[in-house]
C-alpha atoms as a PDB file:
ATOM      1  CA  UNK A   1      -9.756   7.753 -41.261  1.00  0.00           C
ATOM      2  CA  UNK A   2     -11.262   6.067 -38.194  1.00  0.00           C
ATOM      3  CA  UNK A   3     -11.371   2.784 -40.091  1.00  0.00           C
ATOM      4  CA  UNK A   4      -7.651   3.006 -40.866  1.00  0.00           C
ATOM      5  CA  UNK A   5      -6.849   3.806 -37.232  1.00  0.00           C
ATOM      6  CA  UNK A   6      -8.972   0.886 -36.032  1.00  0.00           C
ATOM      7  CA  UNK A   7      -7.210  -1.505 -38.402  1.00  0.00           C
ATOM      8  CA  UNK A   8      -3.812  -0.150 -37.297  1.00  0.00           C
ATOM      9  CA  UNK A   9      -4.708  -0.637 -33.611  1.00  0.00           C
ATOM     10  CA  UNK A  10      -5.806  -4.206 -34.298  1.00  0.00           C
ATOM     11  CA  UNK A  11      -2.556  -4.900 -36.113  1.00  0.00           C
ATOM     12  CA  UNK A  12      -0.489  -3.529 -33.244  1.00  0.00           C
ATOM     13  CA  UNK A  13      -2.477  -5.595 -30.772  1.00  0.00           C
ATOM     14  CA  UNK A  14      -2.052  -8.693 -32.949  1.00  0.00           C
ATOM     15  CA  UNK A  15       1.720  -8.212 -32.938  1.00  0.00           C
ATOM     16  CA  UNK A  16       2.230  -7.208 -29.306  1.00  0.00           C
ATOM     17  CA  UNK A  17      -0.107  -9.700 -27.584  1.00  0.00           C
ATOM     18  CA  UNK A  18       2.062 -12.793 -28.180  1.00  0.00           C
ATOM     19  CA  UNK A  19       5.213 -10.786 -27.412  1.00  0.00           C
ATOM     20  CA  UNK A  20       3.756  -9.648 -24.103  1.00  0.00           C
ATOM     21  CA  UNK A  21       2.630 -13.181 -23.310  1.00  0.00           C
ATOM     22  CA  UNK A  22       6.151 -14.544 -23.891  1.00  0.00           C
ATOM     23  CA  UNK A  23       7.686 -11.754 -21.812  1.00  0.00           C
ATOM     24  CA  UNK A  24       5.228 -12.331 -18.950  1.00  0.00           C
ATOM     25  CA  UNK A  25       6.093 -16.039 -18.885  1.00  0.00           C
ATOM     26  CA  UNK A  26       9.822 -15.284 -18.889  1.00  0.00           C
ATOM     27  CA  UNK A  27       9.500 -12.713 -16.091  1.00  0.00           C
ATOM     28  CA  UNK A  28       7.379 -15.098 -13.995  1.00  0.00           C
ATOM     29  CA  UNK A  29      10.021 -17.844 -14.333  1.00  0.00           C
ATOM     30  CA  UNK A  30      12.665 -15.342 -13.169  1.00  0.00           C
ATOM     31  CA  UNK A  31      10.880 -14.435  -9.935  1.00  0.00           C
ATOM     32  CA  UNK A  32       8.673 -17.331  -8.878  1.00  0.00           C
ATOM     33  CA  UNK A  33      11.358 -19.535  -7.289  1.00  0.00           C
ATOM     34  CA  UNK A  34      13.471 -16.778  -5.724  1.00  0.00           C
ATOM     35  CA  UNK A  35      12.945 -15.283  -2.261  1.00  0.00           C
ATOM     36  CA  UNK A  36      10.167 -12.711  -2.206  1.00  0.00           C
ATOM     37  CA  UNK A  37       9.824  -9.934   0.346  1.00  0.00           C
ATOM     38  CA  UNK A  38       7.833 -10.811   3.431  1.00  0.00           C
ATOM     39  CA  UNK A  39       6.436  -7.286   3.816  1.00  0.00           C
ATOM     40  CA  UNK A  40       5.760  -4.898   0.936  1.00  0.00           C
ATOM     41  CA  UNK A  41       4.729  -1.292   1.434  1.00  0.00           C
ATOM     42  CA  UNK A  42       3.149   0.646  -1.422  1.00  0.00           C
ATOM     43  CA  UNK A  43       2.662   4.402  -1.746  1.00  0.00           C
ATOM     44  CA  UNK A  44      -0.424   4.729  -3.950  1.00  0.00           C
ATOM     45  CA  UNK A  45       0.537   7.901  -5.801  1.00  0.00           C
ATOM     46  CA  UNK A  46      -0.715   9.528  -8.963  1.00  0.00           C
ATOM     47  CA  UNK A  47      -4.509   9.244  -8.788  1.00  0.00           C
ATOM     48  CA  UNK A  48      -5.107  12.936  -9.421  1.00  0.00           C
ATOM     49  CA  UNK A  49      -2.465  13.275 -12.129  1.00  0.00           C
ATOM     50  CA  UNK A  50      -3.844  10.232 -13.895  1.00  0.00           C
ATOM     51  CA  UNK A  51      -7.318  11.728 -13.868  1.00  0.00           C
ATOM     52  CA  UNK A  52      -6.071  15.061 -15.231  1.00  0.00           C
ATOM     53  CA  UNK A  53      -4.039  13.362 -17.952  1.00  0.00           C
ATOM     54  CA  UNK A  54      -7.199  11.524 -19.036  1.00  0.00           C
ATOM     55  CA  UNK A  55      -9.411  14.645 -18.785  1.00  0.00           C
ATOM     56  CA  UNK A  56     -11.401  13.090 -15.932  1.00  0.00           C
ATOM     57  CA  UNK A  57     -12.736  14.582 -12.725  1.00  0.00           C
ATOM     58  CA  UNK A  58     -10.162  14.288  -9.932  1.00  0.00           C
ATOM     59  CA  UNK A  59     -12.463  12.110  -7.808  1.00  0.00           C
ATOM     60  CA  UNK A  60     -12.588   9.555 -10.620  1.00  0.00           C
ATOM     61  CA  UNK A  61      -8.844   9.132 -10.289  1.00  0.00           C
ATOM     62  CA  UNK A  62      -9.332   8.180  -6.634  1.00  0.00           C
ATOM     63  CA  UNK A  63     -12.165   5.827  -7.619  1.00  0.00           C
ATOM     64  CA  UNK A  64     -10.037   4.070 -10.228  1.00  0.00           C
ATOM     65  CA  UNK A  65      -7.128   3.923  -7.799  1.00  0.00           C
ATOM     66  CA  UNK A  66      -9.311   2.253  -5.181  1.00  0.00           C
ATOM     67  CA  UNK A  67     -10.463  -0.299  -7.745  1.00  0.00           C
ATOM     68  CA  UNK A  68      -6.840  -1.109  -8.581  1.00  0.00           C
ATOM     69  CA  UNK A  69      -6.062  -2.181  -5.004  1.00  0.00           C
ATOM     70  CA  UNK A  70      -7.832  -5.520  -5.140  1.00  0.00           C
ATOM     71  CA  UNK A  71      -6.097  -6.408  -8.424  1.00  0.00           C
ATOM     72  CA  UNK A  72      -2.645  -5.645  -7.031  1.00  0.00           C
ATOM     73  CA  UNK A  73      -3.287  -7.492  -3.794  1.00  0.00           C
ATOM     74  CA  UNK A  74      -4.096 -10.624  -5.838  1.00  0.00           C
ATOM     75  CA  UNK A  75      -0.732 -10.306  -7.605  1.00  0.00           C
ATOM     76  CA  UNK A  76       1.116 -10.026  -4.286  1.00  0.00           C
ATOM     77  CA  UNK A  77      -0.730 -12.821  -2.537  1.00  0.00           C
ATOM     78  CA  UNK A  78      -0.111 -15.062  -5.558  1.00  0.00           C
ATOM     79  CA  UNK A  79       3.620 -14.595  -4.826  1.00  0.00           C
ATOM     80  CA  UNK A  80       3.105 -15.497  -1.161  1.00  0.00           C
ATOM     81  CA  UNK A  81       3.868 -12.003   0.155  1.00  0.00           C
ATOM     82  CA  UNK A  82       2.461 -12.153   3.688  1.00  0.00           C
ATOM     83  CA  UNK A  83       2.208  -8.515   4.730  1.00  0.00           C
ATOM     84  CA  UNK A  84       1.162  -5.542   2.587  1.00  0.00           C
ATOM     85  CA  UNK A  85       0.919  -1.956   3.832  1.00  0.00           C
ATOM     86  CA  UNK A  86      -0.818   0.562   1.588  1.00  0.00           C
ATOM     87  CA  UNK A  87      -0.331   4.327   2.026  1.00  0.00           C
ATOM     88  CA  UNK A  88      -3.815   5.478   1.114  1.00  0.00           C
ATOM     89  CA  UNK A  89      -4.333   8.881   2.816  1.00  0.00           C
ATOM     90  CA  UNK A  90      -1.915  11.006   4.817  1.00  0.00           C
ATOM     91  CA  UNK A  91      -2.533  13.484   7.594  1.00  0.00           C
ATOM     92  CA  UNK A  92      -1.396  16.197   5.138  1.00  0.00           C
ATOM     93  CA  UNK A  93      -4.093  15.113   2.665  1.00  0.00           C
ATOM     94  CA  UNK A  94      -6.711  16.605   4.990  1.00  0.00           C
ATOM     95  CA  UNK A  95      -5.508  20.000   3.707  1.00  0.00           C
ATOM     96  CA  UNK A  96      -6.893  19.324   0.221  1.00  0.00           C
ATOM     97  CA  UNK A  97     -10.172  20.807  -0.958  1.00  0.00           C
ATOM     98  CA  UNK A  98     -13.072  19.774   1.269  1.00  0.00           C
ATOM     99  CA  UNK A  99     -15.007  18.280  -1.635  1.00  0.00           C
ATOM    100  CA  UNK A 100     -12.089  16.051  -2.630  1.00  0.00           C
ATOM    101  CA  UNK A 101     -11.494  14.880   0.952  1.00  0.00           C
ATOM    102  CA  UNK A 102     -15.194  14.129   1.323  1.00  0.00           C
ATOM    103  CA  UNK A 103     -15.160  12.022  -1.852  1.00  0.00           C
ATOM    104  CA  UNK A 104     -12.069  10.118  -0.697  1.00  0.00           C
ATOM    105  CA  UNK A 105     -13.776   9.388   2.634  1.00  0.00           C
ATOM    106  CA  UNK A 106     -16.869   8.106   0.801  1.00  0.00           C
ATOM    107  CA  UNK A 107     -14.695   5.786  -1.276  1.00  0.00           C
ATOM    108  CA  UNK A 108     -12.802   4.634   1.830  1.00  0.00           C
ATOM    109  CA  UNK A 109     -16.037   3.854   3.669  1.00  0.00           C
ATOM    110  CA  UNK A 110     -17.339   1.824   0.732  1.00  0.00           C
ATOM    111  CA  UNK A 111     -14.099  -0.079   0.232  1.00  0.00           C
ATOM    112  CA  UNK A 112     -13.778  -0.998   3.906  1.00  0.00           C
ATOM    113  CA  UNK A 113     -17.379  -2.187   3.780  1.00  0.00           C
ATOM    114  CA  UNK A 114     -16.590  -4.322   0.745  1.00  0.00           C
ATOM    115  CA  UNK A 115     -13.785  -6.021   2.672  1.00  0.00           C
ATOM    116  CA  UNK A 116     -16.347  -7.913   4.713  1.00  0.00           C
ATOM    117  CA  UNK A 117     -17.488  -9.930   1.710  1.00  0.00           C
ATOM    118  CA  UNK A 118     -14.414  -9.654  -0.485  1.00  0.00           C
ATOM    119  CA  UNK A 119     -13.514 -13.140  -1.825  1.00  0.00           C
ATOM    120  CA  UNK A 120      -9.766 -12.365  -1.958  1.00  0.00           C
ATOM    121  CA  UNK A 121      -9.710 -11.349   1.706  1.00  0.00           C
ATOM    122  CA  UNK A 122     -11.441 -14.547   2.772  1.00  0.00           C
ATOM    123  CA  UNK A 123      -9.677 -16.826   0.291  1.00  0.00           C
ATOM    124  CA  UNK A 124      -6.250 -15.812   1.596  1.00  0.00           C
ATOM    125  CA  UNK A 125      -7.448 -15.285   5.200  1.00  0.00           C
ATOM    126  CA  UNK A 126      -6.213 -11.686   5.350  1.00  0.00           C
ATOM    127  CA  UNK A 127      -6.244  -9.805   8.615  1.00  0.00           C
ATOM    128  CA  UNK A 128      -7.114  -6.169   7.905  1.00  0.00           C
ATOM    129  CA  UNK A 129      -5.919  -3.284  10.063  1.00  0.00           C
ATOM    130  CA  UNK A 130      -6.098   0.481   9.617  1.00  0.00           C
ATOM    131  CA  UNK A 131      -3.055   2.365  10.880  1.00  0.00           C
ATOM    132  CA  UNK A 132      -2.838   6.098  11.548  1.00  0.00           C
ATOM    133  CA  UNK A 133      -4.786   8.673  13.482  1.00  0.00           C
ATOM    134  CA  UNK A 134      -8.077   7.104  12.546  1.00  0.00           C
ATOM    135  CA  UNK A 135      -9.911   9.287  15.046  1.00  0.00           C
ATOM    136  CA  UNK A 136      -9.465  12.139  12.551  1.00  0.00           C
ATOM    137  CA  UNK A 137     -11.666  10.285  10.083  1.00  0.00           C
ATOM    138  CA  UNK A 138     -15.457  10.747   9.896  1.00  0.00           C
ATOM    139  CA  UNK A 139     -17.264   8.594  12.446  1.00  0.00           C
ATOM    140  CA  UNK A 140     -18.990   6.580   9.707  1.00  0.00           C
ATOM    141  CA  UNK A 141     -15.597   5.643   8.230  1.00  0.00           C
ATOM    142  CA  UNK A 142     -14.257   4.750  11.687  1.00  0.00           C
ATOM    143  CA  UNK A 143     -17.213   2.478  12.324  1.00  0.00           C
ATOM    144  CA  UNK A 144     -16.799   0.684   8.993  1.00  0.00           C
ATOM    145  CA  UNK A 145     -13.095   0.217   9.721  1.00  0.00           C
ATOM    146  CA  UNK A 146     -13.947  -1.328  13.107  1.00  0.00           C
ATOM    147  CA  UNK A 147     -16.346  -3.731  11.413  1.00  0.00           C
ATOM    148  CA  UNK A 148     -13.803  -4.762   8.775  1.00  0.00           C
ATOM    149  CA  UNK A 149     -11.131  -5.308  11.438  1.00  0.00           C
ATOM    150  CA  UNK A 150     -13.521  -7.366  13.562  1.00  0.00           C
ATOM    151  CA  UNK A 151     -14.610  -9.560  10.638  1.00  0.00           C
ATOM    152  CA  UNK A 152     -10.964 -10.406   9.830  1.00  0.00           C
ATOM    153  CA  UNK A 153      -9.348 -10.321  13.277  1.00  0.00           C
ATOM    154  CA  UNK A 154      -9.036 -14.120  13.539  1.00  0.00           C
ATOM    155  CA  UNK A 155      -7.240 -14.462  10.212  1.00  0.00           C
ATOM    156  CA  UNK A 156      -3.474 -14.835  10.373  1.00  0.00           C
ATOM    157  CA  UNK A 157      -2.238 -16.173   7.002  1.00  0.00           C
ATOM    158  CA  UNK A 158      -1.815 -12.699   5.481  1.00  0.00           C
ATOM    159  CA  UNK A 159      -2.066  -9.130   6.774  1.00  0.00           C
ATOM    160  CA  UNK A 160      -3.215  -5.961   5.036  1.00  0.00           C
ATOM    161  CA  UNK A 161      -2.440  -2.652   6.712  1.00  0.00           C
ATOM    162  CA  UNK A 162      -4.133   0.434   5.319  1.00  0.00           C
ATOM    163  CA  UNK A 163      -2.399   3.643   6.315  1.00  0.00           C
ATOM    164  CA  UNK A 164      -5.217   6.204   6.431  1.00  0.00           C
ATOM    165  CA  UNK A 165      -4.989   9.457   8.326  1.00  0.00           C
ATOM    166  CA  UNK A 166      -1.336   8.409   8.594  1.00  0.00           C
ATOM    167  CA  UNK A 167       1.900  10.351   8.894  1.00  0.00           C
ATOM    168  CA  UNK A 168       5.322   8.967   9.722  1.00  0.00           C
ATOM    169  CA  UNK A 169       6.179  11.875  11.988  1.00  0.00           C
ATOM    170  CA  UNK A 170       2.832  11.751  13.783  1.00  0.00           C
ATOM    171  CA  UNK A 171       3.343   8.011  14.301  1.00  0.00           C
ATOM    172  CA  UNK A 172       6.660   8.705  16.023  1.00  0.00           C
ATOM    173  CA  UNK A 173       5.073  11.505  18.097  1.00  0.00           C
ATOM    174  CA  UNK A 174       2.285   9.165  19.218  1.00  0.00           C
ATOM    175  CA  UNK A 175       4.890   6.517  20.040  1.00  0.00           C
ATOM    176  CA  UNK A 176       6.912   8.963  22.147  1.00  0.00           C
ATOM    177  CA  UNK A 177       3.788  10.100  24.020  1.00  0.00           C
ATOM    178  CA  UNK A 178       2.788   6.518  24.814  1.00  0.00           C
ATOM    179  CA  UNK A 179       6.252   5.587  26.094  1.00  0.00           C
ATOM    180  CA  UNK A 180       6.539   8.871  28.067  1.00  0.00           C
ATOM    181  CA  UNK A 181       3.185   8.273  29.779  1.00  0.00           C
ATOM    182  CA  UNK A 182       4.303   4.778  30.806  1.00  0.00           C
ATOM    183  CA  UNK A 183       7.563   6.227  32.162  1.00  0.00           C
ATOM    184  CA  UNK A 184       5.687   8.893  34.143  1.00  0.00           C
ATOM    185  CA  UNK A 185       3.419   6.199  35.553  1.00  0.00           C
ATOM    186  CA  UNK A 186       6.451   4.215  36.620  1.00  0.00           C
ATOM    187  CA  UNK A 187       5.684   1.296  34.312  1.00  0.00           C
ATOM    188  CA  UNK A 188       9.048   1.563  32.564  1.00  0.00           C
ATOM    189  CA  UNK A 189      12.415   3.088  33.386  1.00  0.00           C
ATOM    190  CA  UNK A 190      14.213   5.493  31.069  1.00  0.00           C
ATOM    191  CA  UNK A 191      17.186   3.176  30.597  1.00  0.00           C
ATOM    192  CA  UNK A 192      14.803   0.462  29.427  1.00  0.00           C
ATOM    193  CA  UNK A 193      13.843   2.479  26.344  1.00  0.00           C
ATOM    194  CA  UNK A 194      15.381   0.835  23.286  1.00  0.00           C
ATOM    195  CA  UNK A 195      14.855   0.490  19.556  1.00  0.00           C
ATOM    196  CA  UNK A 196      12.870  -2.666  20.261  1.00  0.00           C
ATOM    197  CA  UNK A 197      10.602  -0.821  22.707  1.00  0.00           C
ATOM    198  CA  UNK A 198       9.972   1.959  20.194  1.00  0.00           C
ATOM    199  CA  UNK A 199       9.026  -0.667  17.601  1.00  0.00           C
ATOM    200  CA  UNK A 200       6.542  -2.124  20.072  1.00  0.00           C
ATOM    201  CA  UNK A 201       4.759   1.227  20.343  1.00  0.00           C
ATOM    202  CA  UNK A 202       4.462   2.094  16.656  1.00  0.00           C
ATOM    203  CA  UNK A 203       1.227   1.599  14.715  1.00  0.00           C
ATOM    204  CA  UNK A 204       2.831  -1.449  13.093  1.00  0.00           C
ATOM    205  CA  UNK A 205       3.738  -3.132  16.383  1.00  0.00           C
ATOM    206  CA  UNK A 206       4.175  -6.876  15.975  1.00  0.00           C
ATOM    207  CA  UNK A 207       4.723  -6.626  12.224  1.00  0.00           C
ATOM    208  CA  UNK A 208       8.177  -7.024  10.627  1.00  0.00           C
ATOM    209  CA  UNK A 209       9.563  -3.906   8.941  1.00  0.00           C
ATOM    210  CA  UNK A 210       8.928  -3.646   5.177  1.00  0.00           C
ATOM    211  CA  UNK A 211      11.492  -5.371   2.984  1.00  0.00           C
ATOM    212  CA  UNK A 212      10.399  -3.459  -0.118  1.00  0.00           C
ATOM    213  CA  UNK A 213       8.634  -0.129  -0.579  1.00  0.00           C
ATOM    214  CA  UNK A 214       7.129   0.680  -3.963  1.00  0.00           C
ATOM    215  CA  UNK A 215       6.010   4.148  -4.998  1.00  0.00           C
ATOM    216  CA  UNK A 216       4.150   4.865  -8.192  1.00  0.00           C
ATOM    217  CA  UNK A 217       3.925   8.092 -10.273  1.00  0.00           C
ATOM    218  CA  UNK A 218       7.666   8.651 -10.690  1.00  0.00           C
ATOM    219  CA  UNK A 219       8.146  10.617  -7.460  1.00  0.00           C
ATOM    220  CA  UNK A 220      11.272   9.468  -5.596  1.00  0.00           C
ATOM    221  CA  UNK A 221      10.554  10.121  -1.927  1.00  0.00           C
ATOM    222  CA  UNK A 222       8.772   8.410   0.962  1.00  0.00           C
ATOM    223  CA  UNK A 223       6.568  11.375   1.918  1.00  0.00           C
ATOM    224  CA  UNK A 224       6.547  10.295   5.575  1.00  0.00           C
ATOM    225  CA  UNK A 225       5.639   6.669   4.897  1.00  0.00           C
ATOM    226  CA  UNK A 226       6.900   4.288   7.626  1.00  0.00           C
ATOM    227  CA  UNK A 227       9.830   6.562   8.472  1.00  0.00           C
ATOM    228  CA  UNK A 228      11.131   4.445  11.360  1.00  0.00           C
ATOM    229  CA  UNK A 229      10.344   1.084   9.806  1.00  0.00           C
ATOM    230  CA  UNK A 230      11.910   1.818   6.401  1.00  0.00           C
ATOM    231  CA  UNK A 231      15.500   2.226   7.638  1.00  0.00           C
ATOM    232  CA  UNK A 232      16.683  -0.830   5.662  1.00  0.00           C
ATOM    233  CA  UNK A 233      13.846  -1.214   3.173  1.00  0.00           C
ATOM    234  CA  UNK A 234      14.662  -1.565  -0.505  1.00  0.00           C
ATOM    235  CA  UNK A 235      13.011   1.252  -2.473  1.00  0.00           C
ATOM    236  CA  UNK A 236      11.532   0.925  -5.949  1.00  0.00           C
ATOM    237  CA  UNK A 237      10.084   3.926  -7.795  1.00  0.00           C
ATOM    238  CA  UNK A 238       7.779   3.246 -10.745  1.00  0.00           C
ATOM    239  CA  UNK A 239       6.965   5.730 -13.486  1.00  0.00           C
ATOM    240  CA  UNK A 240       3.316   4.688 -13.849  1.00  0.00           C
ATOM    241  CA  UNK A 241       0.447   6.379 -12.063  1.00  0.00           C
ATOM    242  CA  UNK A 242      -1.237   4.128  -9.502  1.00  0.00           C
ATOM    243  CA  UNK A 243      -4.525   3.582 -11.455  1.00  0.00           C
ATOM    244  CA  UNK A 244      -2.602   2.281 -14.478  1.00  0.00           C
ATOM    245  CA  UNK A 245      -0.210  -0.089 -12.664  1.00  0.00           C
ATOM    246  CA  UNK A 246      -0.027  -3.586 -14.192  1.00  0.00           C
ATOM    247  CA  UNK A 247       0.979  -7.037 -13.051  1.00  0.00           C
ATOM    248  CA  UNK A 248       4.190  -6.674 -15.033  1.00  0.00           C
ATOM    249  CA  UNK A 249       5.103  -3.539 -13.044  1.00  0.00           C
ATOM    250  CA  UNK A 250       4.645  -5.423  -9.747  1.00  0.00           C
ATOM    251  CA  UNK A 251       6.669  -8.360 -11.017  1.00  0.00           C
ATOM    252  CA  UNK A 252       9.478  -6.062 -12.173  1.00  0.00           C
ATOM    253  CA  UNK A 253       9.566  -4.430  -8.742  1.00  0.00           C
ATOM    254  CA  UNK A 254       9.867  -7.875  -7.146  1.00  0.00           C
ATOM    255  CA  UNK A 255      12.644  -8.814  -9.572  1.00  0.00           C
ATOM    256  CA  UNK A 256      14.474  -5.579  -8.695  1.00  0.00           C
ATOM    257  CA  UNK A 257      14.222  -6.524  -5.003  1.00  0.00           C
ATOM    258  CA  UNK A 258      15.516 -10.036  -5.714  1.00  0.00           C
ATOM    259  CA  UNK A 259      18.536  -8.666  -7.601  1.00  0.00           C
ATOM    260  CA  UNK A 260      19.711  -6.468  -4.724  1.00  0.00           C
ATOM    261  CA  UNK A 261      22.126  -7.541  -2.018  1.00  0.00           C
ATOM    262  CA  UNK A 262      20.627  -6.741   1.383  1.00  0.00           C
ATOM    263  CA  UNK A 263      23.379  -6.181   3.956  1.00  0.00           C
ATOM    264  CA  UNK A 264      21.472  -4.262   6.661  1.00  0.00           C
ATOM    265  CA  UNK A 265      24.580  -2.155   7.343  1.00  0.00           C
ATOM    266  CA  UNK A 266      26.914  -5.135   7.736  1.00  0.00           C
END
């Protein structure tokens, strides 16, 4: 029985491989010469559900999801997408089981450490920045983040923002506090407060708003991701869990973006 299944799988692979190759080439031709988004945000969703569907420990889902990041970044940089913001860990995620949070923090520490010698980061000269209430993270993670940011701070060709300990509402609260303190100190006047000023006090200050936001796992909501910045972002929701996302899924999302007419309210 196993022999028959093995032969059947080989036959299916023999048939589908050239078909997939032809489709990949066609899709690449469709997107490569059209305008790509400057800034792409991605909500990395579905690690736990992927693990459960594969009868794996939950932490393995997070491990596989972390491994997928480098692969996806290579796809995006290949298209010349200059800014990528990844929603990796929210402020609400701290409410999960302590053992799961601890494992995620261990993975985060290791992945930030790997940035320092990551060939993709240095090949594309990627400036790395963590955004969020990073002071909520374990001190060891904070220190590794500081090191990764320092190593890449002089790069300017591409930028990678990692939203960790992040919440869209807490970002706005922190922005309001910062502006209010400056007003109380007499550094700004109330009638000087504008949309532009608010943008200058967000975690993403100096970075253009995302043109496209992708969320995996089939959920169709932003879950607090870049609430202010996403006012005119195109949204693309993918059915795949984050650890199983493929190049073809990224390319389809880019094609979807290219097919939309962006009017910005006009």
